[in-house]
Amino acid sequence: MNGEEQRLGVIDALSAGFSAVAQHPWLILPPAILDLILWQGPRLSVRPLVERLLNLWQGMMMASTPEASSSMTRLVTDLLSGSDQDLNLLLLLSNRLVGQPSLAALLPGGGLGGVIEIRNALLAIVGFVVLTAIGLFIATLYLSLIVSQLREEGPDWAGFGRRLARRWLQLALYLIALAIVIVAVSVPFSIAITIAMWLGPTIGATLISIISIIMIWLGLWMFLSLFFVADAIVLDDVNVITAVWRSVNVVGRNFWATVGLWLLTELIMVGFSIIWQKLSQWPAGAVFSIIANAYLGTGLVAASLIFYRDRYQRWQSQRQKRLSAA
């Protein structure tokens, strides 16, 4: 049997991921407990600040283009029509950017402590930074616990705290670098769109469509290329640059399999989120949905880690064979 036949497929990875969670069901506790706390805890709402910002923006736009006043008013009204849960800073404790599952944003209100409004911009910024850092630490702990159970040689708890701190730092650096890159790429595109808007309805609309298509494809390429960065950081204990290099290479050598893994993951999570949201209208249904979503999400996270590990090891094995042959 050749190496291609032995390669772990997407379905095999999903099966292995859910099997790992079935053997260690306690792995669902971090996201489940966090969602329960966010569901029943208070809301730190930044609605007053958002309202001020949107009203200021509306005034500026109406002053420059009075004919857009009605559409601008509708847009501002839609943006402010959401619940306080949509503007809850505590949701930052659940960091979905690195794969941690969370149902908190879809759960209804009614928790203990009510709504605490934040009206000071500096306080909101400090809260954003602190809560994001804490949320990333929780996500790092969650991923590290999964990795400890996926180790082929068994869990290694010696030095777990040092590895946890190092992984948290590398994931933080990765997210900061990613935010900088996104802003750096978005600025020239925003300028180009602004210029296109002044070129008239025909030429401008065409240019905006072309720019939008380029932005979508660029964003999709970046997303897929960096798909396994968090996996590499927590599984291989490497720095950000090395993790990006490994992710780009693994995705490039297994592009369609990676796309299949991503699409299946999104299909499962989005499809079931509709079910969980309907069940969450009742307290018992909300508890069940939180636990079920944590189990489902943890299985998918484990599957991604297993898939990455298999494809990375095969890449390294092929590389060693080529070096030996040379």
Protein backbone atom coordinates (compact mmCIF):
# COMPACT_ATOMS: atom_id res chain seq x y z
CA MET A 1 0.00 0.00 0.00
CA ASN A 2 1.53 3.32 -1.03
CA GLY A 3 1.67 6.55 0.96
CA GLU A 4 -1.23 8.13 -0.94
CA GLU A 5 -3.56 5.26 0.01
CA GLN A 6 -2.53 5.49 3.64
CA ARG A 7 -3.14 9.23 3.81
CA LEU A 8 -5.71 10.24 6.39
CA GLY A 9 -8.82 11.55 4.65
CA VAL A 10 -11.15 14.30 5.80
CA ILE A 11 -13.87 11.87 6.91
CA ASP A 12 -11.24 9.76 8.71
CA ALA A 13 -10.01 12.88 10.53
CA LEU A 14 -13.55 13.80 11.57
CA SER A 15 -14.14 10.25 12.82
CA ALA A 16 -10.86 10.31 14.77
CA GLY A 17 -11.70 13.71 16.25
CA PHE A 18 -15.09 12.70 17.57
CA SER A 19 -13.66 9.40 18.80
CA ALA A 20 -11.05 11.31 20.83
CA VAL A 21 -13.78 13.46 22.42
CA ALA A 22 -15.90 10.38 23.16
CA GLN A 23 -12.93 8.88 25.03
CA HIS A 24 -12.27 12.14 26.90
CA PRO A 25 -15.67 13.89 27.25
CA TRP A 26 -14.30 16.28 29.91
CA LEU A 27 -12.60 18.17 27.05
CA ILE A 28 -15.92 19.92 26.35
CA LEU A 29 -15.95 21.53 29.80
CA PRO A 30 -14.05 24.80 28.99
CA PRO A 31 -16.35 25.98 26.17
CA ALA A 32 -19.49 24.59 27.86
CA ILE A 33 -18.80 26.25 31.22
CA LEU A 34 -17.84 29.52 29.55
CA ASP A 35 -21.04 29.57 27.49
CA LEU A 36 -23.12 28.88 30.61
CA ILE A 37 -21.42 31.81 32.38
CA LEU A 38 -21.90 34.14 29.40
CA TRP A 39 -25.52 33.08 29.09
CA GLN A 40 -26.45 33.64 32.73
CA GLY A 41 -23.94 36.38 33.53
CA PRO A 42 -24.33 40.16 33.11
CA ARG A 43 -23.90 42.07 29.86
CA LEU A 44 -21.17 44.68 29.49
CA SER A 45 -22.89 46.71 26.79
CA VAL A 46 -21.08 49.32 24.70
CA ARG A 47 -24.35 50.44 23.10
CA PRO A 48 -24.02 54.10 24.28
CA LEU A 49 -20.60 54.40 22.62
CA VAL A 50 -21.78 52.71 19.43
CA GLU A 51 -24.80 55.00 19.28
CA ARG A 52 -22.60 58.07 19.66
CA LEU A 53 -20.21 56.86 16.97
CA LEU A 54 -22.95 55.97 14.51
CA ASN A 55 -24.81 59.25 15.07
CA LEU A 56 -21.58 61.18 14.49
CA TRP A 57 -20.92 59.21 11.32
CA GLN A 58 -24.50 59.76 10.17
CA GLY A 59 -24.17 63.52 10.69
CA MET A 60 -20.92 63.66 8.70
CA MET A 61 -22.34 61.64 5.81
CA MET A 62 -25.57 63.64 5.68
CA ALA A 63 -23.62 66.91 5.65
CA SER A 64 -21.53 65.79 2.67
CA THR A 65 -24.30 63.94 0.79
CA PRO A 66 -27.77 65.16 1.93
CA GLU A 67 -29.52 62.98 -0.69
CA ALA A 68 -28.38 59.86 1.22
CA SER A 69 -30.08 60.92 4.46
CA SER A 70 -32.99 58.45 4.30
CA SER A 71 -30.85 55.41 3.48
CA MET A 72 -28.30 56.46 6.10
CA THR A 73 -31.02 56.75 8.72
CA ARG A 74 -32.28 53.26 7.91
CA LEU A 75 -28.75 51.87 8.12
CA VAL A 76 -28.10 53.42 11.54
CA THR A 77 -31.48 52.18 12.79
CA ASP A 78 -30.69 48.63 11.65
CA LEU A 79 -27.28 48.68 13.29
CA LEU A 80 -28.77 49.80 16.60
CA SER A 81 -31.73 47.44 16.55
CA GLY A 82 -29.77 44.47 17.90
CA SER A 83 -29.89 43.29 21.48
CA ASP A 84 -27.38 44.16 24.18
CA GLN A 85 -25.95 40.66 23.73
CA ASP A 86 -24.79 41.74 20.25
CA LEU A 87 -22.79 44.56 21.88
CA ASN A 88 -21.63 42.57 24.93
CA LEU A 89 -17.91 42.97 25.63
CA LEU A 90 -17.91 39.76 27.68
CA LEU A 91 -18.33 37.80 24.46
CA LEU A 92 -14.62 38.51 23.92
CA LEU A 93 -13.96 35.83 26.54
CA SER A 94 -14.92 33.29 23.90
CA ASN A 95 -12.25 33.50 21.19
CA ARG A 96 -13.60 31.80 18.09
CA LEU A 97 -10.74 33.07 15.92
CA VAL A 98 -8.51 30.19 17.04
CA GLY A 99 -11.22 27.55 16.84
CA GLN A 100 -12.91 27.56 20.25
CA PRO A 101 -16.62 26.77 19.80
CA SER A 102 -19.16 29.09 21.37
CA LEU A 103 -22.91 29.48 21.29
CA ALA A 104 -23.01 32.52 23.59
CA ALA A 105 -23.74 35.09 20.87
CA LEU A 106 -26.88 33.19 19.82
CA LEU A 107 -28.31 32.63 23.29
CA PRO A 108 -31.23 34.78 24.52
CA GLY A 109 -30.82 37.36 27.29
CA GLY A 110 -32.15 37.20 30.80
CA GLY A 111 -29.02 36.41 32.73
CA LEU A 112 -28.14 37.47 36.26
CA GLY A 113 -26.72 40.94 36.82
CA GLY A 114 -28.66 42.67 34.06
CA VAL A 115 -27.03 45.05 31.59
CA ILE A 116 -24.07 47.19 32.61
CA GLU A 117 -23.57 50.03 30.12
CA ILE A 118 -20.08 51.34 29.42
CA ARG A 119 -20.12 55.00 28.43
CA ASN A 120 -16.42 55.81 28.74
CA ALA A 121 -14.39 55.15 25.60
CA LEU A 122 -11.11 54.60 27.46
CA LEU A 123 -12.77 52.10 29.77
CA ALA A 124 -14.20 50.28 26.75
CA ILE A 125 -10.77 50.09 25.11
CA VAL A 126 -9.13 48.78 28.28
CA GLY A 127 -11.96 46.27 28.69
CA PHE A 128 -11.55 45.15 25.08
CA VAL A 129 -7.82 44.50 25.51
CA VAL A 130 -8.10 42.78 28.89
CA LEU A 131 -11.07 40.59 27.97
CA THR A 132 -9.51 39.64 24.65
CA ALA A 133 -6.30 38.58 26.41
CA ILE A 134 -8.23 36.54 28.99
CA GLY A 135 -10.39 34.98 26.28
CA LEU A 136 -7.31 34.00 24.28
CA PHE A 137 -5.80 32.42 27.39
CA ILE A 138 -8.96 30.35 27.92
CA ALA A 139 -8.89 29.28 24.26
CA THR A 140 -5.19 28.37 24.54
CA LEU A 141 -5.87 26.27 27.63
CA TYR A 142 -8.74 24.56 25.82
CA LEU A 143 -6.62 23.75 22.75
CA SER A 144 -3.70 22.63 24.91
CA LEU A 145 -5.92 20.19 26.81
CA ILE A 146 -7.06 18.67 23.52
CA VAL A 147 -3.48 18.43 22.26
CA SER A 148 -2.40 16.70 25.49
CA GLN A 149 -4.89 13.91 24.77
CA LEU A 150 -3.92 13.60 21.10
CA ARG A 151 -0.24 13.00 21.76
CA GLU A 152 0.71 9.60 20.36
CA GLU A 153 3.01 8.95 23.30
CA GLY A 154 0.37 9.95 25.83
CA PRO A 155 -0.27 13.13 27.87
CA ASP A 156 2.77 15.06 29.04
CA TRP A 157 1.83 17.28 31.99
CA ALA A 158 5.44 18.14 32.89
CA GLY A 159 6.05 21.75 31.90
CA PHE A 160 2.43 22.19 30.86
CA GLY A 161 2.28 25.68 32.37
CA ARG A 162 5.35 26.88 30.45
CA ARG A 163 4.01 25.49 27.19
CA LEU A 164 0.63 27.07 27.88
CA ALA A 165 2.18 30.51 28.44
CA ARG A 166 4.36 30.19 25.33
CA ARG A 167 1.43 29.12 23.17
CA TRP A 168 -0.71 31.97 24.51
CA LEU A 169 2.01 34.48 23.64
CA GLN A 170 2.48 33.10 20.13
CA LEU A 171 -1.26 33.06 19.45
CA ALA A 172 -1.49 36.66 20.71
CA LEU A 173 1.35 37.71 18.40
CA TYR A 174 -0.34 35.91 15.53
CA LEU A 175 -3.66 37.69 16.05
CA ILE A 176 -1.93 41.07 16.42
CA ALA A 177 0.08 40.51 13.23
CA LEU A 178 -3.06 39.33 11.42
CA ALA A 179 -4.95 42.47 12.48
CA ILE A 180 -2.08 44.68 11.25
CA VAL A 181 -1.98 42.89 7.89
CA ILE A 182 -5.75 43.17 7.46
CA VAL A 183 -5.68 46.91 8.19
CA ALA A 184 -2.67 47.43 5.91
CA VAL A 185 -4.42 45.61 3.06
CA SER A 186 -7.81 47.23 3.68
CA VAL A 187 -6.57 50.85 3.59
CA PRO A 188 -5.51 50.91 -0.10
CA PHE A 189 -8.65 49.03 -1.12
CA SER A 190 -10.80 51.52 0.83
CA ILE A 191 -9.05 54.41 -0.88
CA ALA A 192 -9.60 52.77 -4.27
CA ILE A 193 -13.31 52.29 -3.54
CA THR A 194 -13.63 55.91 -2.41
CA ILE A 195 -12.02 57.14 -5.63
CA ALA A 196 -14.25 54.83 -7.67
CA MET A 197 -17.35 56.32 -6.03
CA TRP A 198 -16.40 59.73 -7.44
CA LEU A 199 -16.05 58.43 -11.02
CA GLY A 200 -19.76 58.23 -11.67
CA PRO A 201 -22.39 55.49 -11.46
CA THR A 202 -21.19 53.51 -14.50
CA ILE A 203 -17.41 53.44 -14.24
CA GLY A 204 -17.48 53.64 -10.45
CA ALA A 205 -19.85 50.71 -10.03
CA THR A 206 -17.74 48.57 -12.37
CA LEU A 207 -14.52 49.41 -10.55
CA ILE A 208 -16.12 48.76 -7.16
CA SER A 209 -17.31 45.34 -8.36
CA ILE A 210 -13.81 44.45 -9.59
CA ILE A 211 -12.19 45.67 -6.36
CA SER A 212 -14.74 43.75 -4.27
CA ILE A 213 -14.05 40.52 -6.18
CA ILE A 214 -10.30 40.98 -5.69
CA MET A 215 -10.81 41.60 -1.96
CA ILE A 216 -12.98 38.48 -1.59
CA TRP A 217 -10.48 36.24 -3.37
CA LEU A 218 -7.55 37.74 -1.47
CA GLY A 219 -9.36 37.27 1.85
CA LEU A 220 -10.28 33.68 0.98
CA TRP A 221 -6.70 32.89 -0.04
CA MET A 222 -5.34 34.38 3.17
CA PHE A 223 -7.90 32.53 5.29
CA LEU A 224 -7.13 29.15 3.72
CA SER A 225 -3.36 29.67 3.74
CA LEU A 226 -3.44 30.43 7.48
CA PHE A 227 -5.99 27.71 8.26
CA PHE A 228 -3.59 25.61 10.35
CA VAL A 229 -1.54 28.34 12.06
CA ALA A 230 -3.21 27.89 15.46
CA ASP A 231 -2.93 24.09 15.08
CA ALA A 232 0.80 24.36 14.40
CA ILE A 233 1.39 26.69 17.36
CA VAL A 234 -0.34 24.48 19.93
CA LEU A 235 0.55 21.09 18.42
CA ASP A 236 4.17 21.72 17.41
CA ASP A 237 5.06 24.41 19.98
CA VAL A 238 6.58 26.66 17.31
CA ASN A 239 6.68 30.43 16.88
CA VAL A 240 4.34 32.41 14.64
CA ILE A 241 6.65 32.59 11.62
CA THR A 242 7.30 28.84 11.64
CA ALA A 243 3.58 28.14 12.17
CA VAL A 244 2.64 30.31 9.18
CA TRP A 245 5.28 28.57 7.04
CA ARG A 246 3.99 25.13 8.01
CA SER A 247 0.35 26.09 7.48
CA VAL A 248 1.01 27.55 4.03
CA ASN A 249 2.92 24.42 2.99
CA VAL A 250 0.40 21.94 4.39
CA VAL A 251 -2.50 23.80 2.73
CA GLY A 252 -0.61 24.17 -0.55
CA ARG A 253 0.14 20.44 -0.69
CA ASN A 254 -3.38 19.45 0.40
CA PHE A 255 -5.48 22.28 -0.97
CA TRP A 256 -8.71 20.49 -1.88
CA ALA A 257 -8.62 18.31 1.21
CA THR A 258 -8.25 21.47 3.33
CA VAL A 259 -11.16 23.10 1.50
CA GLY A 260 -13.21 19.96 2.13
CA LEU A 261 -12.36 20.00 5.83
CA TRP A 262 -13.26 23.69 6.12
CA LEU A 263 -16.55 23.34 4.22
CA LEU A 264 -17.64 20.28 6.20
CA THR A 265 -16.76 22.02 9.47
CA GLU A 266 -18.72 25.14 8.53
CA LEU A 267 -21.67 23.13 7.23
CA ILE A 268 -21.89 21.14 10.46
CA MET A 269 -21.49 24.10 12.81
CA VAL A 270 -23.77 26.49 10.91
CA GLY A 271 -26.42 23.84 10.32
CA PHE A 272 -26.56 22.77 13.93
CA SER A 273 -26.39 26.37 15.19
CA ILE A 274 -29.84 26.91 13.66
CA ILE A 275 -31.13 23.96 15.68
CA TRP A 276 -29.41 25.13 18.88
CA GLN A 277 -30.81 28.64 18.47
CA LYS A 278 -34.38 27.32 18.21
CA LEU A 279 -33.90 24.99 21.20
CA SER A 280 -32.40 27.83 23.25
CA GLN A 281 -35.77 29.54 23.52
CA TRP A 282 -36.34 27.32 26.59
CA PRO A 283 -33.88 27.12 29.54
CA ALA A 284 -33.54 23.33 29.35
CA GLY A 285 -33.05 23.56 25.61
CA ALA A 286 -30.37 26.21 26.06
CA VAL A 287 -28.42 23.99 28.49
CA PHE A 288 -28.68 21.03 26.12
CA SER A 289 -27.62 23.20 23.16
CA ILE A 290 -24.58 24.53 25.00
CA ILE A 291 -23.37 21.03 25.89
CA ALA A 292 -24.13 19.61 22.44
CA ASN A 293 -22.44 22.53 20.67
CA ALA A 294 -19.35 22.15 22.90
CA TYR A 295 -19.17 18.43 22.07
CA LEU A 296 -19.63 19.04 18.35
CA GLY A 297 -17.14 21.90 18.22
CA THR A 298 -14.52 20.04 20.25
CA GLY A 299 -14.77 17.05 17.92
CA LEU A 300 -14.20 19.31 14.92
CA VAL A 301 -11.25 21.07 16.60
CA ALA A 302 -9.68 17.68 17.38
CA ALA A 303 -10.31 16.59 13.77
CA SER A 304 -8.47 19.67 12.45
CA LEU A 305 -5.50 18.99 14.73
CA ILE A 306 -5.38 15.32 13.69
CA PHE A 307 -5.66 16.21 9.99
CA TYR A 308 -2.88 18.81 10.24
CA ARG A 309 -0.61 16.43 12.17
CA ASP A 310 -1.04 13.66 9.59
CA ARG A 311 -0.46 15.90 6.56
CA TYR A 312 2.50 17.68 8.16
CA GLN A 313 4.18 14.40 9.13
CA ARG A 314 3.71 13.06 5.61
CA TRP A 315 5.19 16.22 4.12
CA GLN A 316 8.24 15.88 6.39
CA SER A 317 8.56 12.17 5.57
CA GLN A 318 8.53 12.89 1.84
CA ARG A 319 11.04 15.68 2.35
CA GLN A 320 13.41 13.36 4.23
CA LYS A 321 13.13 10.75 1.47
CA ARG A 322 14.05 13.31 -1.17
CA LEU A 323 17.03 14.50 0.88
CA SER A 324 18.19 10.92 1.41
CA ALA A 325 17.83 10.13 -2.29
CA ALA A 326 19.85 13.22 -3.18
